């Protein structure tokens, strides 16, 4: 079948739109399947296929070009991404190191404070020994033996309370005139030493909670320890601590002329 366009000067749009829309008279049916298989030949003068570019060929060229150029274009970007990843990884490692250092600072600070407290305690002991030497006396003769903390004894822990230590020192040094003279020095030494020991104990607990001593109620000698808190030595030390805190309001005078006589009478001490 040869296709040739119909060119008729007498044909116009008005005639086209005036065509009667009646296909009932058309008895001939069009066979579209046969029409699709029919080879249509277009005259060269009306064949414009040469104006259509070879799309498939161009696509193959573009795909080949992209296959060569895409890796070249992506390589610099991939290198930048890799450098960024390395930088982020380095920063994370530095952050972890810095965080570990920051976390270790409190521990280092506690260790340093603990070392300073221990040095202060040693320095205090040397000062007291030097002063005692200048006074021509021995510390072990004027300061009663202080009980160290025994983790297995509630009674020993009560004896390590400042109240008991001060009460014991007051009793021991009230037996002579010279004891009264040196008593302020001894009591001050005991109070300072006890304060440093408590600081060291608290710092050790901060570093390791396992150093915390159990409650007194858990000791087998708990009832005996309660009796020690009610004894004359402990009560005398408690009264002295109260007097020391209120020294500016006549605390020492009240302690000497009221508290001591009252406690001696209460406990039957001469």
C-alpha atoms as a PDB file:
ATOM      1  CA  UNK A   1       0.000   0.000   0.000  1.00  0.00           C
ATOM      2  CA  UNK A   2       1.419   3.290  -1.036  1.00  0.00           C
ATOM      3  CA  UNK A   3       0.665   6.337   1.088  1.00  0.00           C
ATOM      4  CA  UNK A   4       0.206   9.710  -0.541  1.00  0.00           C
ATOM      5  CA  UNK A   5      -1.282  12.701   1.231  1.00  0.00           C
ATOM      6  CA  UNK A   6      -4.426  14.212  -0.279  1.00  0.00           C
ATOM      7  CA  UNK A   7      -4.153  17.853  -1.069  1.00  0.00           C
ATOM      8  CA  UNK A   8      -7.375  19.431  -2.218  1.00  0.00           C
ATOM      9  CA  UNK A   9      -7.785  23.156  -2.322  1.00  0.00           C
ATOM     10  CA  UNK A  10     -11.540  22.868  -2.150  1.00  0.00           C
ATOM     11  CA  UNK A  11     -11.386  21.145   1.221  1.00  0.00           C
ATOM     12  CA  UNK A  12     -11.840  23.427   4.205  1.00  0.00           C
ATOM     13  CA  UNK A  13     -12.662  23.261   7.900  1.00  0.00           C
ATOM     14  CA  UNK A  14     -16.313  24.176   7.467  1.00  0.00           C
ATOM     15  CA  UNK A  15     -16.899  21.204   5.216  1.00  0.00           C
ATOM     16  CA  UNK A  16     -15.101  19.036   7.754  1.00  0.00           C
ATOM     17  CA  UNK A  17     -17.323  20.038  10.637  1.00  0.00           C
ATOM     18  CA  UNK A  18     -20.519  19.742   8.528  1.00  0.00           C
ATOM     19  CA  UNK A  19     -20.008  16.081   7.902  1.00  0.00           C
ATOM     20  CA  UNK A  20     -22.965  14.107   9.162  1.00  0.00           C
ATOM     21  CA  UNK A  21     -22.201  12.008  12.173  1.00  0.00           C
ATOM     22  CA  UNK A  22     -23.903   8.865  10.957  1.00  0.00           C
ATOM     23  CA  UNK A  23     -21.904   5.656  10.771  1.00  0.00           C
ATOM     24  CA  UNK A  24     -24.813   3.295  10.695  1.00  0.00           C
ATOM     25  CA  UNK A  25     -24.623   3.177   6.940  1.00  0.00           C
ATOM     26  CA  UNK A  26     -21.015   2.079   7.091  1.00  0.00           C
ATOM     27  CA  UNK A  27     -21.255  -1.613   6.710  1.00  0.00           C
ATOM     28  CA  UNK A  28     -17.577  -2.102   6.041  1.00  0.00           C
ATOM     29  CA  UNK A  29     -15.579  -3.040   9.117  1.00  0.00           C
ATOM     30  CA  UNK A  30     -11.932  -2.095   9.393  1.00  0.00           C
ATOM     31  CA  UNK A  31      -9.528  -4.931  10.146  1.00  0.00           C
ATOM     32  CA  UNK A  32      -6.959  -3.213  12.360  1.00  0.00           C
ATOM     33  CA  UNK A  33      -4.882  -6.359  12.799  1.00  0.00           C
ATOM     34  CA  UNK A  34      -4.453  -6.732   9.063  1.00  0.00           C
ATOM     35  CA  UNK A  35      -3.807  -3.044   8.792  1.00  0.00           C
ATOM     36  CA  UNK A  36      -0.992  -3.265  11.356  1.00  0.00           C
ATOM     37  CA  UNK A  37       0.664  -6.032   9.393  1.00  0.00           C
ATOM     38  CA  UNK A  38       0.363  -4.222   6.125  1.00  0.00           C
ATOM     39  CA  UNK A  39       3.569  -2.692   4.864  1.00  0.00           C
ATOM     40  CA  UNK A  40       3.145   0.964   4.177  1.00  0.00           C
ATOM     41  CA  UNK A  41       5.518   2.606   1.760  1.00  0.00           C
ATOM     42  CA  UNK A  42       6.013   6.341   1.967  1.00  0.00           C
ATOM     43  CA  UNK A  43       7.332   8.265  -0.976  1.00  0.00           C
ATOM     44  CA  UNK A  44      10.783   9.738  -0.521  1.00  0.00           C
ATOM     45  CA  UNK A  45       9.481  13.224  -0.976  1.00  0.00           C
ATOM     46  CA  UNK A  46       7.215  12.697   2.067  1.00  0.00           C
ATOM     47  CA  UNK A  47       9.634  10.551   4.112  1.00  0.00           C
ATOM     48  CA  UNK A  48      11.129  12.652   6.905  1.00  0.00           C
ATOM     49  CA  UNK A  49      12.620   9.820   8.980  1.00  0.00           C
ATOM     50  CA  UNK A  50      16.073  11.149   8.229  1.00  0.00           C
ATOM     51  CA  UNK A  51      15.268  14.144  10.454  1.00  0.00           C
ATOM     52  CA  UNK A  52      14.793  11.906  13.515  1.00  0.00           C
ATOM     53  CA  UNK A  53      18.157  11.352  15.279  1.00  0.00           C
ATOM     54  CA  UNK A  54      19.345   7.779  16.083  1.00  0.00           C
ATOM     55  CA  UNK A  55      18.201   7.811  19.733  1.00  0.00           C
ATOM     56  CA  UNK A  56      19.367   4.284  20.509  1.00  0.00           C
ATOM     57  CA  UNK A  57      22.845   4.983  19.191  1.00  0.00           C
ATOM     58  CA  UNK A  58      23.075   8.212  21.164  1.00  0.00           C
ATOM     59  CA  UNK A  59      21.939   6.367  24.308  1.00  0.00           C
ATOM     60  CA  UNK A  60      24.715   3.829  23.904  1.00  0.00           C
ATOM     61  CA  UNK A  61      27.264   6.634  23.523  1.00  0.00           C
ATOM     62  CA  UNK A  62      25.929   8.447  26.617  1.00  0.00           C
ATOM     63  CA  UNK A  63      25.946   5.260  28.700  1.00  0.00           C
ATOM     64  CA  UNK A  64      29.527   4.535  27.693  1.00  0.00           C
ATOM     65  CA  UNK A  65      30.538   8.094  28.528  1.00  0.00           C
ATOM     66  CA  UNK A  66      28.839   7.946  31.952  1.00  0.00           C
ATOM     67  CA  UNK A  67      30.475   4.605  32.703  1.00  0.00           C
ATOM     68  CA  UNK A  68      33.890   6.222  32.133  1.00  0.00           C
ATOM     69  CA  UNK A  69      33.282   9.653  33.687  1.00  0.00           C
ATOM     70  CA  UNK A  70      31.138   8.825  36.725  1.00  0.00           C
ATOM     71  CA  UNK A  71      33.963   7.119  38.659  1.00  0.00           C
ATOM     72  CA  UNK A  72      36.272  10.035  37.810  1.00  0.00           C
ATOM     73  CA  UNK A  73      33.709  12.528  39.077  1.00  0.00           C
ATOM     74  CA  UNK A  74      32.850  10.500  42.175  1.00  0.00           C
ATOM     75  CA  UNK A  75      36.454   9.806  43.233  1.00  0.00           C
ATOM     76  CA  UNK A  76      37.128  13.331  44.626  1.00  0.00           C
ATOM     77  CA  UNK A  77      33.778  13.288  46.431  1.00  0.00           C
ATOM     78  CA  UNK A  78      34.466   9.837  47.853  1.00  0.00           C
ATOM     79  CA  UNK A  79      37.884  11.022  49.018  1.00  0.00           C
ATOM     80  CA  UNK A  80      36.289  13.998  50.753  1.00  0.00           C
ATOM     81  CA  UNK A  81      33.748  11.733  52.425  1.00  0.00           C
ATOM     82  CA  UNK A  82      36.548   9.408  53.535  1.00  0.00           C
ATOM     83  CA  UNK A  83      38.528  12.338  54.949  1.00  0.00           C
ATOM     84  CA  UNK A  84      35.427  13.552  56.782  1.00  0.00           C
ATOM     85  CA  UNK A  85      34.863  10.069  58.218  1.00  0.00           C
ATOM     86  CA  UNK A  86      38.494   9.910  59.362  1.00  0.00           C
ATOM     87  CA  UNK A  87      38.177  13.354  60.932  1.00  0.00           C
ATOM     88  CA  UNK A  88      34.966  12.365  62.724  1.00  0.00           C
ATOM     89  CA  UNK A  89      36.578   9.136  63.922  1.00  0.00           C
ATOM     90  CA  UNK A  90      39.608  11.057  65.218  1.00  0.00           C
ATOM     91  CA  UNK A  91      37.367  13.578  66.971  1.00  0.00           C
ATOM     92  CA  UNK A  92      35.367  10.776  68.595  1.00  0.00           C
ATOM     93  CA  UNK A  93      38.569   9.153  69.836  1.00  0.00           C
ATOM     94  CA  UNK A  94      39.800  12.477  71.198  1.00  0.00           C
ATOM     95  CA  UNK A  95      36.408  13.013  72.819  1.00  0.00           C
ATOM     96  CA  UNK A  96      36.618   9.617  74.508  1.00  0.00           C
ATOM     97  CA  UNK A  97      40.149  10.339  75.723  1.00  0.00           C
ATOM     98  CA  UNK A  98      39.108  13.767  77.003  1.00  0.00           C
ATOM     99  CA  UNK A  99      36.048  12.300  78.709  1.00  0.00           C
ATOM    100  CA  UNK A 100      38.184   9.664  80.407  1.00  0.00           C
ATOM    101  CA  UNK A 101      40.574  12.360  81.577  1.00  0.00           C
ATOM    102  CA  UNK A 102      37.678  14.449  82.880  1.00  0.00           C
ATOM    103  CA  UNK A 103      36.249  11.429  84.668  1.00  0.00           C
ATOM    104  CA  UNK A 104      39.613  10.720  86.235  1.00  0.00           C
ATOM    105  CA  UNK A 105      40.025  14.296  87.495  1.00  0.00           C
ATOM    106  CA  UNK A 106      37.793  13.816  90.579  1.00  0.00           C
ATOM    107  CA  UNK A 107      39.723  10.662  91.463  1.00  0.00           C
ATOM    108  CA  UNK A 108      43.036  12.476  91.021  1.00  0.00           C
ATOM    109  CA  UNK A 109      41.698  15.343  93.094  1.00  0.00           C
ATOM    110  CA  UNK A 110      40.583  12.971  95.848  1.00  0.00           C
ATOM    111  CA  UNK A 111      43.962  11.230  95.844  1.00  0.00           C
ATOM    112  CA  UNK A 112      45.721  14.578  96.058  1.00  0.00           C
ATOM    113  CA  UNK A 113      43.476  15.749  98.898  1.00  0.00           C
ATOM    114  CA  UNK A 114      44.014  12.471 100.700  1.00  0.00           C
ATOM    115  CA  UNK A 115      47.784  12.795 100.318  1.00  0.00           C
ATOM    116  CA  UNK A 116      47.616  16.393 101.566  1.00  0.00           C
ATOM    117  CA  UNK A 117      45.589  15.334 104.597  1.00  0.00           C
ATOM    118  CA  UNK A 118      48.058  12.596 105.414  1.00  0.00           C
ATOM    119  CA  UNK A 119      50.916  15.071 105.067  1.00  0.00           C
ATOM    120  CA  UNK A 120      49.075  17.520 107.327  1.00  0.00           C
ATOM    121  CA  UNK A 121      48.637  14.800 109.906  1.00  0.00           C
ATOM    122  CA  UNK A 122      52.334  13.914 109.784  1.00  0.00           C
ATOM    123  CA  UNK A 123      53.295  17.594 109.988  1.00  0.00           C
ATOM    124  CA  UNK A 124      50.960  18.073 112.961  1.00  0.00           C
ATOM    125  CA  UNK A 125      52.543  15.152 114.763  1.00  0.00           C
ATOM    126  CA  UNK A 126      56.054  16.519 114.141  1.00  0.00           C
ATOM    127  CA  UNK A 127      54.999  19.945 115.399  1.00  0.00           C
ATOM    128  CA  UNK A 128      53.548  18.450 118.567  1.00  0.00           C
ATOM    129  CA  UNK A 129      56.640  16.326 119.148  1.00  0.00           C
ATOM    130  CA  UNK A 130      58.840  19.370 118.684  1.00  0.00           C
ATOM    131  CA  UNK A 131      56.731  21.406 121.084  1.00  0.00           C
ATOM    132  CA  UNK A 132      56.680  18.610 123.614  1.00  0.00           C
ATOM    133  CA  UNK A 133      60.458  18.293 123.368  1.00  0.00           C
ATOM    134  CA  UNK A 134      60.851  22.006 123.979  1.00  0.00           C
ATOM    135  CA  UNK A 135      58.607  21.648 127.038  1.00  0.00           C
ATOM    136  CA  UNK A 136      60.693  18.719 128.232  1.00  0.00           C
ATOM    137  CA  UNK A 137      57.821  16.235 128.239  1.00  0.00           C
ATOM    138  CA  UNK A 138      56.835  13.114 126.353  1.00  0.00           C
ATOM    139  CA  UNK A 139      53.592  12.900 124.427  1.00  0.00           C
ATOM    140  CA  UNK A 140      52.899   9.329 125.452  1.00  0.00           C
ATOM    141  CA  UNK A 141      52.916  10.384 129.103  1.00  0.00           C
ATOM    142  CA  UNK A 142      50.404  13.226 128.710  1.00  0.00           C
ATOM    143  CA  UNK A 143      48.133  11.914 125.935  1.00  0.00           C
ATOM    144  CA  UNK A 144      46.153   8.761 126.680  1.00  0.00           C
ATOM    145  CA  UNK A 145      46.411   5.877 124.259  1.00  0.00           C
ATOM    146  CA  UNK A 146      43.870   6.539 121.501  1.00  0.00           C
ATOM    147  CA  UNK A 147      41.880   3.576 120.287  1.00  0.00           C
ATOM    148  CA  UNK A 148      42.089   3.003 116.540  1.00  0.00           C
ATOM    149  CA  UNK A 149      38.982   2.019 114.584  1.00  0.00           C
ATOM    150  CA  UNK A 150      38.426  -1.691 114.775  1.00  0.00           C
ATOM    151  CA  UNK A 151      35.995  -2.806 112.060  1.00  0.00           C
ATOM    152  CA  UNK A 152      35.015  -5.819 114.180  1.00  0.00           C
ATOM    153  CA  UNK A 153      34.189  -3.972 117.402  1.00  0.00           C
ATOM    154  CA  UNK A 154      31.447  -1.431 118.099  1.00  0.00           C
ATOM    155  CA  UNK A 155      33.012  -0.667 121.473  1.00  0.00           C
ATOM    156  CA  UNK A 156      36.324   0.236 119.841  1.00  0.00           C
ATOM    157  CA  UNK A 157      34.508   2.540 117.436  1.00  0.00           C
ATOM    158  CA  UNK A 158      32.830   4.326 120.370  1.00  0.00           C
ATOM    159  CA  UNK A 159      36.260   4.755 121.968  1.00  0.00           C
ATOM    160  CA  UNK A 160      37.381   6.390 118.724  1.00  0.00           C
ATOM    161  CA  UNK A 161      34.680   9.089 118.985  1.00  0.00           C
ATOM    162  CA  UNK A 162      35.998  12.544 119.746  1.00  0.00           C
ATOM    163  CA  UNK A 163      33.834  12.762 122.865  1.00  0.00           C
ATOM    164  CA  UNK A 164      35.462   9.687 124.375  1.00  0.00           C
ATOM    165  CA  UNK A 165      38.990  10.788 123.411  1.00  0.00           C
ATOM    166  CA  UNK A 166      38.567  14.238 124.946  1.00  0.00           C
ATOM    167  CA  UNK A 167      36.891  12.840 128.067  1.00  0.00           C
ATOM    168  CA  UNK A 168      39.737  10.376 128.536  1.00  0.00           C
ATOM    169  CA  UNK A 169      42.336  13.142 128.142  1.00  0.00           C
ATOM    170  CA  UNK A 170      40.475  15.382 130.607  1.00  0.00           C
ATOM    171  CA  UNK A 171      40.437  12.636 133.236  1.00  0.00           C
ATOM    172  CA  UNK A 172      44.090  11.653 132.755  1.00  0.00           C
ATOM    173  CA  UNK A 173      45.415  15.226 132.905  1.00  0.00           C
ATOM    174  CA  UNK A 174      43.273  16.388 135.799  1.00  0.00           C
ATOM    175  CA  UNK A 175      45.264  14.300 138.223  1.00  0.00           C
ATOM    176  CA  UNK A 176      48.072  16.849 138.628  1.00  0.00           C
ATOM    177  CA  UNK A 177      48.762  20.594 138.472  1.00  0.00           C
ATOM    178  CA  UNK A 178      51.138  20.089 135.566  1.00  0.00           C
ATOM    179  CA  UNK A 179      48.386  18.139 133.793  1.00  0.00           C
ATOM    180  CA  UNK A 180      46.058  21.151 134.053  1.00  0.00           C
ATOM    181  CA  UNK A 181      48.784  23.395 132.604  1.00  0.00           C
ATOM    182  CA  UNK A 182      49.378  21.222 129.546  1.00  0.00           C
ATOM    183  CA  UNK A 183      45.707  20.268 129.098  1.00  0.00           C
ATOM    184  CA  UNK A 184      44.822  22.956 126.466  1.00  0.00           C
ATOM    185  CA  UNK A 185      47.723  21.799 124.282  1.00  0.00           C
ATOM    186  CA  UNK A 186      46.732  18.147 124.591  1.00  0.00           C
ATOM    187  CA  UNK A 187      43.030  18.720 123.891  1.00  0.00           C
ATOM    188  CA  UNK A 188      43.838  20.842 120.838  1.00  0.00           C
ATOM    189  CA  UNK A 189      46.168  18.152 119.522  1.00  0.00           C
ATOM    190  CA  UNK A 190      43.535  15.423 119.977  1.00  0.00           C
ATOM    191  CA  UNK A 191      40.820  17.512 118.263  1.00  0.00           C
ATOM    192  CA  UNK A 192      43.041  18.382 115.286  1.00  0.00           C
ATOM    193  CA  UNK A 193      44.250  14.816 114.896  1.00  0.00           C
ATOM    194  CA  UNK A 194      40.702  13.469 115.026  1.00  0.00           C
ATOM    195  CA  UNK A 195      39.539  15.994 112.434  1.00  0.00           C
ATOM    196  CA  UNK A 196      42.290  14.963 110.018  1.00  0.00           C
ATOM    197  CA  UNK A 197      41.572  11.273 110.557  1.00  0.00           C
ATOM    198  CA  UNK A 198      37.905  11.838 109.750  1.00  0.00           C
ATOM    199  CA  UNK A 199      38.791  13.721 106.559  1.00  0.00           C
ATOM    200  CA  UNK A 200      41.074  10.898 105.449  1.00  0.00           C
ATOM    201  CA  UNK A 201      38.343   8.363 106.195  1.00  0.00           C
ATOM    202  CA  UNK A 202      35.756  10.336 104.143  1.00  0.00           C
ATOM    203  CA  UNK A 203      38.152  10.698 101.208  1.00  0.00           C
ATOM    204  CA  UNK A 204      38.805   6.963 101.226  1.00  0.00           C
ATOM    205  CA  UNK A 205      35.058   6.312 101.143  1.00  0.00           C
ATOM    206  CA  UNK A 206      34.717   8.604  98.118  1.00  0.00           C
ATOM    207  CA  UNK A 207      37.353   6.578  96.293  1.00  0.00           C
ATOM    208  CA  UNK A 208      36.006   3.190  97.335  1.00  0.00           C
ATOM    209  CA  UNK A 209      32.680   2.711  99.100  1.00  0.00           C
ATOM    210  CA  UNK A 210      33.867  -0.659 100.413  1.00  0.00           C
ATOM    211  CA  UNK A 211      35.803   1.246 103.104  1.00  0.00           C
ATOM    212  CA  UNK A 212      32.503   2.331 104.681  1.00  0.00           C
ATOM    213  CA  UNK A 213      32.132   0.870 108.152  1.00  0.00           C
ATOM    214  CA  UNK A 214      28.933  -1.086 108.845  1.00  0.00           C
ATOM    215  CA  UNK A 215      26.257   0.270 111.239  1.00  0.00           C
ATOM    216  CA  UNK A 216      26.952  -0.211 114.924  1.00  0.00           C
ATOM    217  CA  UNK A 217      23.788  -2.312 115.250  1.00  0.00           C
ATOM    218  CA  UNK A 218      25.438  -5.102 113.240  1.00  0.00           C
ATOM    219  CA  UNK A 219      28.277  -5.666 115.754  1.00  0.00           C
ATOM    220  CA  UNK A 220      28.053  -8.446 118.329  1.00  0.00           C
ATOM    221  CA  UNK A 221      29.174  -6.066 121.128  1.00  0.00           C
ATOM    222  CA  UNK A 222      26.605  -3.399 120.244  1.00  0.00           C
ATOM    223  CA  UNK A 223      25.001  -3.433 123.715  1.00  0.00           C
ATOM    224  CA  UNK A 224      28.391  -2.933 125.368  1.00  0.00           C
ATOM    225  CA  UNK A 225      29.071  -0.037 122.978  1.00  0.00           C
ATOM    226  CA  UNK A 226      25.824   1.641 124.074  1.00  0.00           C
ATOM    227  CA  UNK A 227      27.005   1.445 127.677  1.00  0.00           C
ATOM    228  CA  UNK A 228      30.283   3.141 126.698  1.00  0.00           C
ATOM    229  CA  UNK A 229      28.301   6.082 125.261  1.00  0.00           C
ATOM    230  CA  UNK A 230      26.598   6.500 128.634  1.00  0.00           C
ATOM    231  CA  UNK A 231      29.762   6.358 130.722  1.00  0.00           C
ATOM    232  CA  UNK A 232      31.374   9.286 132.591  1.00  0.00           C
ATOM    233  CA  UNK A 233      34.281   9.567 130.116  1.00  0.00           C
ATOM    234  CA  UNK A 234      32.017   9.938 127.083  1.00  0.00           C
ATOM    235  CA  UNK A 235      29.604  12.385 128.761  1.00  0.00           C
ATOM    236  CA  UNK A 236      32.509  14.517 130.004  1.00  0.00           C
ATOM    237  CA  UNK A 237      33.896  14.749 126.469  1.00  0.00           C
ATOM    238  CA  UNK A 238      30.442  15.664 125.086  1.00  0.00           C
ATOM    239  CA  UNK A 239      30.096  18.477 127.594  1.00  0.00           C
ATOM    240  CA  UNK A 240      33.559  19.799 126.698  1.00  0.00           C
ATOM    241  CA  UNK A 241      32.715  19.823 122.969  1.00  0.00           C
ATOM    242  CA  UNK A 242      29.583  21.873 123.685  1.00  0.00           C
ATOM    243  CA  UNK A 243      31.619  24.277 125.818  1.00  0.00           C
ATOM    244  CA  UNK A 244      34.229  24.587 123.074  1.00  0.00           C
ATOM    245  CA  UNK A 245      31.581  25.494 120.483  1.00  0.00           C
ATOM    246  CA  UNK A 246      30.180  28.175 122.830  1.00  0.00           C
ATOM    247  CA  UNK A 247      33.494  29.468 124.191  1.00  0.00           C
ATOM    248  CA  UNK A 248      32.628  33.076 123.320  1.00  0.00           C
ATOM    249  CA  UNK A 249      29.475  32.817 125.441  1.00  0.00           C
ATOM    250  CA  UNK A 250      31.193  31.529 128.556  1.00  0.00           C
ATOM    251  CA  UNK A 251      31.091  27.887 127.552  1.00  0.00           C
ATOM    252  CA  UNK A 252      34.335  26.955 129.311  1.00  0.00           C
ATOM    253  CA  UNK A 253      33.260  28.663 132.547  1.00  0.00           C
ATOM    254  CA  UNK A 254      29.955  26.776 132.508  1.00  0.00           C
ATOM    255  CA  UNK A 255      31.839  23.552 131.795  1.00  0.00           C
ATOM    256  CA  UNK A 256      34.229  23.967 134.739  1.00  0.00           C
ATOM    257  CA  UNK A 257      31.789  25.225 137.377  1.00  0.00           C
ATOM    258  CA  UNK A 258      28.550  23.488 136.305  1.00  0.00           C
ATOM    259  CA  UNK A 259      29.007  20.568 133.935  1.00  0.00           C
ATOM    260  CA  UNK A 260      31.993  18.911 135.620  1.00  0.00           C
ATOM    261  CA  UNK A 261      30.492  19.006 139.165  1.00  0.00           C
ATOM    262  CA  UNK A 262      27.112  17.805 137.822  1.00  0.00           C
ATOM    263  CA  UNK A 263      28.657  14.872 135.968  1.00  0.00           C
ATOM    264  CA  UNK A 264      30.829  13.854 138.929  1.00  0.00           C
ATOM    265  CA  UNK A 265      27.810  13.859 141.168  1.00  0.00           C
ATOM    266  CA  UNK A 266      25.744  11.939 138.618  1.00  0.00           C
ATOM    267  CA  UNK A 267      28.365   9.229 138.176  1.00  0.00           C
ATOM    268  CA  UNK A 268      29.579   9.249 141.775  1.00  0.00           C
ATOM    269  CA  UNK A 269      33.046  10.553 141.004  1.00  0.00           C
ATOM    270  CA  UNK A 270      35.028  12.312 143.721  1.00  0.00           C
END
